[in-house]
Amino acid sequence: ETSVKTASQGKLLIMLYQEAVKQLGNACEYIDDNGKILPKNIESFGKCIQKTQEIISELMVSLDMERGGEIAKNLMSLYVFFNAELMNANISKDKKRIENVKKMLFDLYGAWNVAVESTAPVSSPSVRPNIDIEG
């Protein structure tokens, strides 16, 4: 909780991506090779997908469409795609769709991590996420 409250905007972004990747990894573990989920794990699987969708929604609202230009527009399109894919994967229990979104989120995490690490911290007020990224 302290690390979330004291993190810079860049670090918060990284934390959101990390948690989304983690949640999708957890969701994949509930699906067997035949696309089946044990009845006792259905609720946990759904929570992982829902949590990831909440994180993606938070990433969407954090975009500055005016200053972000083409990059912000492209990220918005990706986030919309991710949420649609996760909705369909949740319904169909399609592990490949989940893994595909997870890979793309991991790639974005890597790019943002490099960007955040290569820029000096700015001492301006940061926006805090409205969701609990750790649960």
Foldseek 3Di string as FASTA:
>chain_A
DVCQVPDAQLVVLLLLLVLLLVLLVVLLVQQDPVLDGPPVCLVSNVVSLVLNLLSLVLVLVPQDPVVCPPVNVVSNVLSVVLNVLSVVCNVRSDSVSSVVSSVVSVVVSVVSVVVVVPDDDDPDDHDHGPDDSPD
